[in-house]
Amino acid sequence: MPRKGSKHAEEEDTRSRIRKLKKKVEALTGKPMVSAGTDDLPPEIEEQFWEQVLEFEQTKPVSPFEMLVNGGTTLPPPDQLDDEQLSAKLWELIHGMALLGVYLHSTNHFSDRELYEYLWKEALRETAFLQPSNPDFACHIDPVSSGSAEDTFLYLKYYADEESRRRWANEFPEDVIPEHADPPFDRDRHLPDPERFRTAVSSSGFKATARRISPKPRPC
């Protein structure tokens, strides 16, 4: 029997916690858990992995819009805001989204009003698995990634580099490749991204703020 406090005893304790985590995940999913290579990880890393799996499985899908509003963010309809108010509200919204772990990409073809309308009417209404207290979790919204003909055209015109455009032309010769153009707005380089945002917000500050904007509990 390993001595209490020894390295081997600590490892055994960690392995025991991992087994309990796996059982909880199996109870939630109704399926046996396959390690998928995690057995080769150091025990403390494997434990973190299964903790995150359990947190994900316990997370109920919710729309970012609902989570923001329940946390106290006001999101007026676009037509109730003049241009100046809307631009200020848009950036408040963008940073509120980042606190939820929701990040934007490829928005330079939108005006402020168009982007706010897109978020207010569409993107933020879709449910997602969000973990605002976990700074390592991220959800990404890219308005030109749907695969539709319109979005593909916008991607190739404004965002694809020359190598991507050439590769696309080779793989899909029937598609018309638009001439490259600089997008009409310059916003994307100022958007929060996970790496910069984690650096800018301390861990304790992140969790405290994230808790404030997490959904308030509702009666079952």
C-alpha atoms as a PDB file:
ATOM      1  CA  MET A   1       0.000   0.000   0.000  1.00  0.00           C
ATOM      2  CA  PRO A   2       1.531   3.347  -1.004  1.00  0.00           C
ATOM      3  CA  ARG A   3       2.478   5.670   1.812  1.00  0.00           C
ATOM      4  CA  LYS A   4       0.114   8.591   2.331  1.00  0.00           C
ATOM      5  CA  GLY A   5       1.576  11.728   0.814  1.00  0.00           C
ATOM      6  CA  SER A   6       3.948   9.815  -1.486  1.00  0.00           C
ATOM      7  CA  LYS A   7       4.048  10.550  -5.203  1.00  0.00           C
ATOM      8  CA  HIS A   8       2.583   7.143  -5.959  1.00  0.00           C
ATOM      9  CA  ALA A   9      -0.273   7.717  -3.502  1.00  0.00           C
ATOM     10  CA  GLU A  10      -1.050  11.096  -5.077  1.00  0.00           C
ATOM     11  CA  GLU A  11      -1.094   9.472  -8.512  1.00  0.00           C
ATOM     12  CA  GLU A  12      -3.461   6.792  -7.269  1.00  0.00           C
ATOM     13  CA  ASP A  13      -5.769   9.481  -5.848  1.00  0.00           C
ATOM     14  CA  THR A  14      -5.743  11.231  -9.215  1.00  0.00           C
ATOM     15  CA  ARG A  15      -6.505   7.955 -11.041  1.00  0.00           C
ATOM     16  CA  SER A  16      -9.399   7.372  -8.642  1.00  0.00           C
ATOM     17  CA  ARG A  17     -10.816  10.837  -9.394  1.00  0.00           C
ATOM     18  CA  ILE A  18     -10.440  10.154 -13.131  1.00  0.00           C
ATOM     19  CA  ARG A  19     -12.437   6.930 -12.809  1.00  0.00           C
ATOM     20  CA  LYS A  20     -15.190   8.819 -10.970  1.00  0.00           C
ATOM     21  CA  LEU A  21     -15.215  11.525 -13.654  1.00  0.00           C
ATOM     22  CA  LYS A  22     -15.543   8.901 -16.390  1.00  0.00           C
ATOM     23  CA  LYS A  23     -18.450   7.264 -14.563  1.00  0.00           C
ATOM     24  CA  LYS A  24     -20.229  10.620 -14.304  1.00  0.00           C
ATOM     25  CA  VAL A  25     -19.729  11.254 -18.026  1.00  0.00           C
ATOM     26  CA  GLU A  26     -20.985   7.755 -18.843  1.00  0.00           C
ATOM     27  CA  ALA A  27     -24.073   8.352 -16.685  1.00  0.00           C
ATOM     28  CA  LEU A  28     -24.809  11.563 -18.610  1.00  0.00           C
ATOM     29  CA  THR A  29     -24.192  10.160 -22.090  1.00  0.00           C
ATOM     30  CA  GLY A  30     -25.380   6.593 -21.562  1.00  0.00           C
ATOM     31  CA  LYS A  31     -22.289   5.391 -23.406  1.00  0.00           C
ATOM     32  CA  PRO A  32     -19.012   3.863 -22.225  1.00  0.00           C
ATOM     33  CA  MET A  33     -16.149   6.324 -22.402  1.00  0.00           C
ATOM     34  CA  VAL A  34     -13.325   5.563 -24.833  1.00  0.00           C
ATOM     35  CA  SER A  35      -9.997   6.965 -23.687  1.00  0.00           C
ATOM     36  CA  ALA A  36      -8.856   7.880 -27.235  1.00  0.00           C
ATOM     37  CA  GLY A  37      -5.209   8.173 -26.221  1.00  0.00           C
ATOM     38  CA  THR A  38      -5.747   9.984 -22.933  1.00  0.00           C
ATOM     39  CA  ASP A  39      -4.229   7.059 -21.026  1.00  0.00           C
ATOM     40  CA  ASP A  40      -0.837   8.200 -22.313  1.00  0.00           C
ATOM     41  CA  LEU A  41      -1.263  11.624 -20.732  1.00  0.00           C
ATOM     42  CA  PRO A  42       0.169  12.546 -17.323  1.00  0.00           C
ATOM     43  CA  PRO A  43      -2.558  11.862 -14.714  1.00  0.00           C
ATOM     44  CA  GLU A  44      -3.044  15.541 -13.837  1.00  0.00           C
ATOM     45  CA  ILE A  45      -3.555  16.425 -17.525  1.00  0.00           C
ATOM     46  CA  GLU A  46      -5.906  13.503 -18.061  1.00  0.00           C
ATOM     47  CA  GLU A  47      -7.912  14.625 -15.023  1.00  0.00           C
ATOM     48  CA  GLN A  48      -8.240  18.122 -16.491  1.00  0.00           C
ATOM     49  CA  PHE A  49      -9.382  16.572 -19.780  1.00  0.00           C
ATOM     50  CA  TRP A  50     -12.156  14.562 -18.143  1.00  0.00           C
ATOM     51  CA  GLU A  51     -13.184  17.545 -16.015  1.00  0.00           C
ATOM     52  CA  GLN A  52     -13.694  19.518 -19.215  1.00  0.00           C
ATOM     53  CA  VAL A  53     -15.581  16.640 -20.836  1.00  0.00           C
ATOM     54  CA  LEU A  54     -17.876  16.462 -17.811  1.00  0.00           C
ATOM     55  CA  GLU A  55     -18.414  20.227 -17.817  1.00  0.00           C
ATOM     56  CA  PHE A  56     -19.316  20.103 -21.509  1.00  0.00           C
ATOM     57  CA  GLU A  57     -21.772  17.234 -21.013  1.00  0.00           C
ATOM     58  CA  GLN A  58     -23.409  19.069 -18.114  1.00  0.00           C
ATOM     59  CA  THR A  59     -23.767  22.252 -20.137  1.00  0.00           C
ATOM     60  CA  LYS A  60     -27.193  22.856 -21.601  1.00  0.00           C
ATOM     61  CA  PRO A  61     -27.367  24.611 -24.973  1.00  0.00           C
ATOM     62  CA  VAL A  62     -28.401  28.243 -24.690  1.00  0.00           C
ATOM     63  CA  SER A  63     -28.379  31.155 -27.101  1.00  0.00           C
ATOM     64  CA  PRO A  64     -25.702  33.802 -26.470  1.00  0.00           C
ATOM     65  CA  PHE A  65     -28.476  36.389 -26.796  1.00  0.00           C
ATOM     66  CA  GLU A  66     -30.370  34.867 -23.879  1.00  0.00           C
ATOM     67  CA  MET A  67     -27.238  34.518 -21.784  1.00  0.00           C
ATOM     68  CA  LEU A  68     -26.263  38.155 -22.353  1.00  0.00           C
ATOM     69  CA  VAL A  69     -29.736  39.518 -21.603  1.00  0.00           C
ATOM     70  CA  ASN A  70     -30.133  37.334 -18.499  1.00  0.00           C
ATOM     71  CA  GLY A  71     -26.787  38.671 -17.316  1.00  0.00           C
ATOM     72  CA  GLY A  72     -27.970  42.272 -17.544  1.00  0.00           C
ATOM     73  CA  THR A  73     -26.840  43.362 -21.009  1.00  0.00           C
ATOM     74  CA  THR A  74     -29.449  45.474 -22.779  1.00  0.00           C
ATOM     75  CA  LEU A  75     -29.778  44.693 -26.480  1.00  0.00           C
ATOM     76  CA  PRO A  76     -32.286  47.070 -28.071  1.00  0.00           C
ATOM     77  CA  PRO A  77     -33.621  46.301 -31.553  1.00  0.00           C
ATOM     78  CA  PRO A  78     -31.425  47.921 -34.233  1.00  0.00           C
ATOM     79  CA  ASP A  79     -34.138  50.309 -35.380  1.00  0.00           C
ATOM     80  CA  GLN A  80     -34.322  51.843 -31.889  1.00  0.00           C
ATOM     81  CA  LEU A  81     -30.702  53.059 -32.061  1.00  0.00           C
ATOM     82  CA  ASP A  82     -29.224  55.899 -34.061  1.00  0.00           C
ATOM     83  CA  ASP A  83     -25.848  55.324 -35.711  1.00  0.00           C
ATOM     84  CA  GLU A  84     -23.773  56.649 -32.818  1.00  0.00           C
ATOM     85  CA  GLN A  85     -25.701  54.673 -30.210  1.00  0.00           C
ATOM     86  CA  LEU A  86     -25.576  51.564 -32.337  1.00  0.00           C
ATOM     87  CA  SER A  87     -21.792  51.679 -32.818  1.00  0.00           C
ATOM     88  CA  ALA A  88     -21.259  52.042 -29.066  1.00  0.00           C
ATOM     89  CA  LYS A  89     -23.710  49.217 -28.348  1.00  0.00           C
ATOM     90  CA  LEU A  90     -22.045  47.001 -30.965  1.00  0.00           C
ATOM     91  CA  TRP A  91     -18.649  47.214 -29.254  1.00  0.00           C
ATOM     92  CA  GLU A  92     -20.234  46.651 -25.859  1.00  0.00           C
ATOM     93  CA  LEU A  93     -21.854  43.563 -27.338  1.00  0.00           C
ATOM     94  CA  ILE A  94     -18.630  42.319 -28.943  1.00  0.00           C
ATOM     95  CA  HIS A  95     -16.763  42.486 -25.638  1.00  0.00           C
ATOM     96  CA  GLY A  96     -19.692  40.922 -23.790  1.00  0.00           C
ATOM     97  CA  MET A  97     -19.604  38.059 -26.283  1.00  0.00           C
ATOM     98  CA  ALA A  98     -15.886  37.588 -25.641  1.00  0.00           C
ATOM     99  CA  LEU A  99     -16.592  37.207 -21.918  1.00  0.00           C
ATOM    100  CA  LEU A 100     -18.870  34.327 -22.856  1.00  0.00           C
ATOM    101  CA  GLY A 101     -16.116  32.843 -24.991  1.00  0.00           C
ATOM    102  CA  VAL A 102     -17.825  33.846 -28.262  1.00  0.00           C
ATOM    103  CA  TYR A 103     -15.552  35.427 -30.857  1.00  0.00           C
ATOM    104  CA  LEU A 104     -16.221  37.076 -34.212  1.00  0.00           C
ATOM    105  CA  HIS A 105     -14.313  36.750 -37.490  1.00  0.00           C
ATOM    106  CA  SER A 106     -14.615  38.109 -41.031  1.00  0.00           C
ATOM    107  CA  THR A 107     -16.823  41.118 -40.338  1.00  0.00           C
ATOM    108  CA  ASN A 108     -15.148  43.799 -42.457  1.00  0.00           C
ATOM    109  CA  HIS A 109     -17.766  43.580 -45.210  1.00  0.00           C
ATOM    110  CA  PHE A 110     -20.446  44.668 -42.710  1.00  0.00           C
ATOM    111  CA  SER A 111     -21.163  48.204 -41.606  1.00  0.00           C
ATOM    112  CA  ASP A 112     -21.724  48.587 -37.855  1.00  0.00           C
ATOM    113  CA  ARG A 113     -25.472  48.547 -38.410  1.00  0.00           C
ATOM    114  CA  GLU A 114     -25.357  45.497 -40.670  1.00  0.00           C
ATOM    115  CA  LEU A 115     -23.223  43.598 -38.164  1.00  0.00           C
ATOM    116  CA  TYR A 116     -25.426  44.497 -35.211  1.00  0.00           C
ATOM    117  CA  GLU A 117     -28.505  43.428 -37.181  1.00  0.00           C
ATOM    118  CA  TYR A 118     -26.835  40.146 -38.142  1.00  0.00           C
ATOM    119  CA  LEU A 119     -25.936  39.405 -34.520  1.00  0.00           C
ATOM    120  CA  TRP A 120     -29.245  40.615 -33.073  1.00  0.00           C
ATOM    121  CA  LYS A 121     -31.497  38.841 -35.582  1.00  0.00           C
ATOM    122  CA  GLU A 122     -29.505  35.728 -36.458  1.00  0.00           C
ATOM    123  CA  ALA A 123     -26.152  34.681 -35.043  1.00  0.00           C
ATOM    124  CA  LEU A 124     -26.798  35.264 -31.347  1.00  0.00           C
ATOM    125  CA  ARG A 125     -30.207  33.572 -31.476  1.00  0.00           C
ATOM    126  CA  GLU A 126     -28.712  30.167 -32.293  1.00  0.00           C
ATOM    127  CA  THR A 127     -28.160  27.878 -29.338  1.00  0.00           C
ATOM    128  CA  ALA A 128     -24.648  26.766 -28.449  1.00  0.00           C
ATOM    129  CA  PHE A 129     -22.763  25.024 -25.663  1.00  0.00           C
ATOM    130  CA  LEU A 130     -21.126  27.913 -23.816  1.00  0.00           C
ATOM    131  CA  GLN A 131     -18.758  27.764 -20.857  1.00  0.00           C
ATOM    132  CA  PRO A 132     -18.115  31.370 -19.780  1.00  0.00           C
ATOM    133  CA  SER A 133     -16.221  30.342 -16.634  1.00  0.00           C
ATOM    134  CA  ASN A 134     -13.706  28.358 -18.706  1.00  0.00           C
ATOM    135  CA  PRO A 135     -11.216  30.722 -20.408  1.00  0.00           C
ATOM    136  CA  ASP A 136      -9.889  27.832 -22.514  1.00  0.00           C
ATOM    137  CA  PHE A 137     -13.264  27.369 -24.209  1.00  0.00           C
ATOM    138  CA  ALA A 138     -14.154  29.345 -27.335  1.00  0.00           C
ATOM    139  CA  CYS A 139     -17.068  29.520 -29.740  1.00  0.00           C
ATOM    140  CA  HIS A 140     -16.445  31.187 -33.106  1.00  0.00           C
ATOM    141  CA  ILE A 141     -18.881  33.074 -35.330  1.00  0.00           C
ATOM    142  CA  ASP A 142     -17.760  33.628 -38.913  1.00  0.00           C
ATOM    143  CA  PRO A 143     -20.455  35.222 -41.107  1.00  0.00           C
ATOM    144  CA  VAL A 144     -18.898  33.927 -44.350  1.00  0.00           C
ATOM    145  CA  SER A 145     -18.386  30.293 -43.343  1.00  0.00           C
ATOM    146  CA  SER A 146     -21.841  28.820 -44.011  1.00  0.00           C
ATOM    147  CA  GLY A 147     -20.841  27.370 -47.382  1.00  0.00           C
ATOM    148  CA  SER A 148     -23.633  29.182 -49.225  1.00  0.00           C
ATOM    149  CA  ALA A 149     -22.875  30.667 -52.638  1.00  0.00           C
ATOM    150  CA  GLU A 150     -23.193  34.202 -51.261  1.00  0.00           C
ATOM    151  CA  ASP A 151     -20.882  33.577 -48.308  1.00  0.00           C
ATOM    152  CA  THR A 152     -18.336  31.781 -50.502  1.00  0.00           C
ATOM    153  CA  PHE A 153     -18.324  34.754 -52.886  1.00  0.00           C
ATOM    154  CA  LEU A 154     -17.726  37.178 -49.990  1.00  0.00           C
ATOM    155  CA  TYR A 155     -14.958  34.980 -48.559  1.00  0.00           C
ATOM    156  CA  LEU A 156     -13.146  34.751 -51.889  1.00  0.00           C
ATOM    157  CA  LYS A 157     -13.576  38.437 -52.641  1.00  0.00           C
ATOM    158  CA  TYR A 158     -12.588  39.956 -49.315  1.00  0.00           C
ATOM    159  CA  TYR A 159     -10.848  37.428 -47.066  1.00  0.00           C
ATOM    160  CA  ALA A 160      -9.106  34.646 -49.022  1.00  0.00           C
ATOM    161  CA  ASP A 161      -5.405  35.143 -49.727  1.00  0.00           C
ATOM    162  CA  GLU A 162      -3.985  34.427 -53.184  1.00  0.00           C
ATOM    163  CA  GLU A 163      -2.934  30.884 -52.328  1.00  0.00           C
ATOM    164  CA  SER A 164      -6.440  30.083 -51.045  1.00  0.00           C
ATOM    165  CA  ARG A 165      -7.992  31.610 -54.168  1.00  0.00           C
ATOM    166  CA  ARG A 166      -5.735  29.543 -56.455  1.00  0.00           C
ATOM    167  CA  ARG A 167      -6.458  26.364 -54.512  1.00  0.00           C
ATOM    168  CA  TRP A 168     -10.181  27.059 -54.696  1.00  0.00           C
ATOM    169  CA  ALA A 169     -10.000  27.623 -58.461  1.00  0.00           C
ATOM    170  CA  ASN A 170      -8.189  24.295 -58.901  1.00  0.00           C
ATOM    171  CA  GLU A 171     -10.584  22.332 -56.702  1.00  0.00           C
ATOM    172  CA  PHE A 172     -13.773  23.986 -57.965  1.00  0.00           C
ATOM    173  CA  PRO A 173     -13.096  25.055 -61.581  1.00  0.00           C
ATOM    174  CA  GLU A 174     -16.807  25.629 -62.207  1.00  0.00           C
ATOM    175  CA  ASP A 175     -16.895  28.440 -59.590  1.00  0.00           C
ATOM    176  CA  VAL A 176     -16.376  32.054 -60.640  1.00  0.00           C
ATOM    177  CA  ILE A 177     -13.557  33.555 -58.578  1.00  0.00           C
ATOM    178  CA  PRO A 178     -14.242  37.261 -57.991  1.00  0.00           C
ATOM    179  CA  GLU A 179     -11.468  39.804 -58.190  1.00  0.00           C
ATOM    180  CA  HIS A 180      -9.946  40.498 -54.806  1.00  0.00           C
ATOM    181  CA  ALA A 181     -11.093  43.726 -53.164  1.00  0.00           C
ATOM    182  CA  ASP A 182     -10.311  45.301 -49.838  1.00  0.00           C
ATOM    183  CA  PRO A 183     -13.381  45.134 -47.616  1.00  0.00           C
ATOM    184  CA  PRO A 184     -15.147  48.456 -47.032  1.00  0.00           C
ATOM    185  CA  PHE A 185     -14.578  48.479 -43.261  1.00  0.00           C
ATOM    186  CA  ASP A 186     -11.610  47.911 -40.948  1.00  0.00           C
ATOM    187  CA  ARG A 187     -12.877  46.213 -37.809  1.00  0.00           C
ATOM    188  CA  ASP A 188     -11.499  42.680 -37.633  1.00  0.00           C
ATOM    189  CA  ARG A 189      -8.017  43.626 -36.414  1.00  0.00           C
ATOM    190  CA  HIS A 190      -9.609  45.261 -33.364  1.00  0.00           C
ATOM    191  CA  LEU A 191     -11.860  42.303 -32.463  1.00  0.00           C
ATOM    192  CA  PRO A 192     -11.081  40.314 -29.306  1.00  0.00           C
ATOM    193  CA  ASP A 193      -9.504  36.935 -29.943  1.00  0.00           C
ATOM    194  CA  PRO A 194      -9.092  34.148 -27.359  1.00  0.00           C
ATOM    195  CA  GLU A 195      -5.336  34.555 -26.921  1.00  0.00           C
ATOM    196  CA  ARG A 196      -5.334  38.339 -26.532  1.00  0.00           C
ATOM    197  CA  PHE A 197      -8.472  38.284 -24.414  1.00  0.00           C
ATOM    198  CA  ARG A 198      -7.075  35.732 -21.955  1.00  0.00           C
ATOM    199  CA  THR A 199      -3.946  37.842 -21.650  1.00  0.00           C
ATOM    200  CA  ALA A 200      -5.897  41.060 -21.108  1.00  0.00           C
ATOM    201  CA  VAL A 201      -8.254  39.631 -18.485  1.00  0.00           C
ATOM    202  CA  SER A 202      -6.794  37.967 -15.410  1.00  0.00           C
ATOM    203  CA  SER A 203      -8.121  34.527 -14.513  1.00  0.00           C
ATOM    204  CA  SER A 204      -9.925  35.724 -11.400  1.00  0.00           C
ATOM    205  CA  GLY A 205     -11.323  38.751 -13.167  1.00  0.00           C
ATOM    206  CA  PHE A 206     -12.475  36.615 -16.067  1.00  0.00           C
ATOM    207  CA  LYS A 207     -14.331  34.170 -13.857  1.00  0.00           C
ATOM    208  CA  ALA A 208     -15.897  36.887 -11.721  1.00  0.00           C
ATOM    209  CA  THR A 209     -17.141  38.759 -14.774  1.00  0.00           C
ATOM    210  CA  ALA A 210     -18.261  35.583 -16.496  1.00  0.00           C
ATOM    211  CA  ARG A 211     -20.323  34.607 -13.457  1.00  0.00           C
ATOM    212  CA  ARG A 212     -22.048  37.996 -13.561  1.00  0.00           C
ATOM    213  CA  ILE A 213     -23.211  37.463 -17.126  1.00  0.00           C
ATOM    214  CA  SER A 214     -24.078  33.778 -16.831  1.00  0.00           C
ATOM    215  CA  PRO A 215     -27.790  32.942 -17.029  1.00  0.00           C
ATOM    216  CA  LYS A 216     -29.714  33.425 -13.818  1.00  0.00           C
ATOM    217  CA  PRO A 217     -31.170  30.152 -12.546  1.00  0.00           C
ATOM    218  CA  ARG A 218     -34.753  29.570 -13.584  1.00  0.00           C
ATOM    219  CA  PRO A 219     -37.325  27.354 -11.908  1.00  0.00           C
ATOM    220  CA  CYS A 220     -37.631  23.913 -13.531  1.00  0.00           C
END
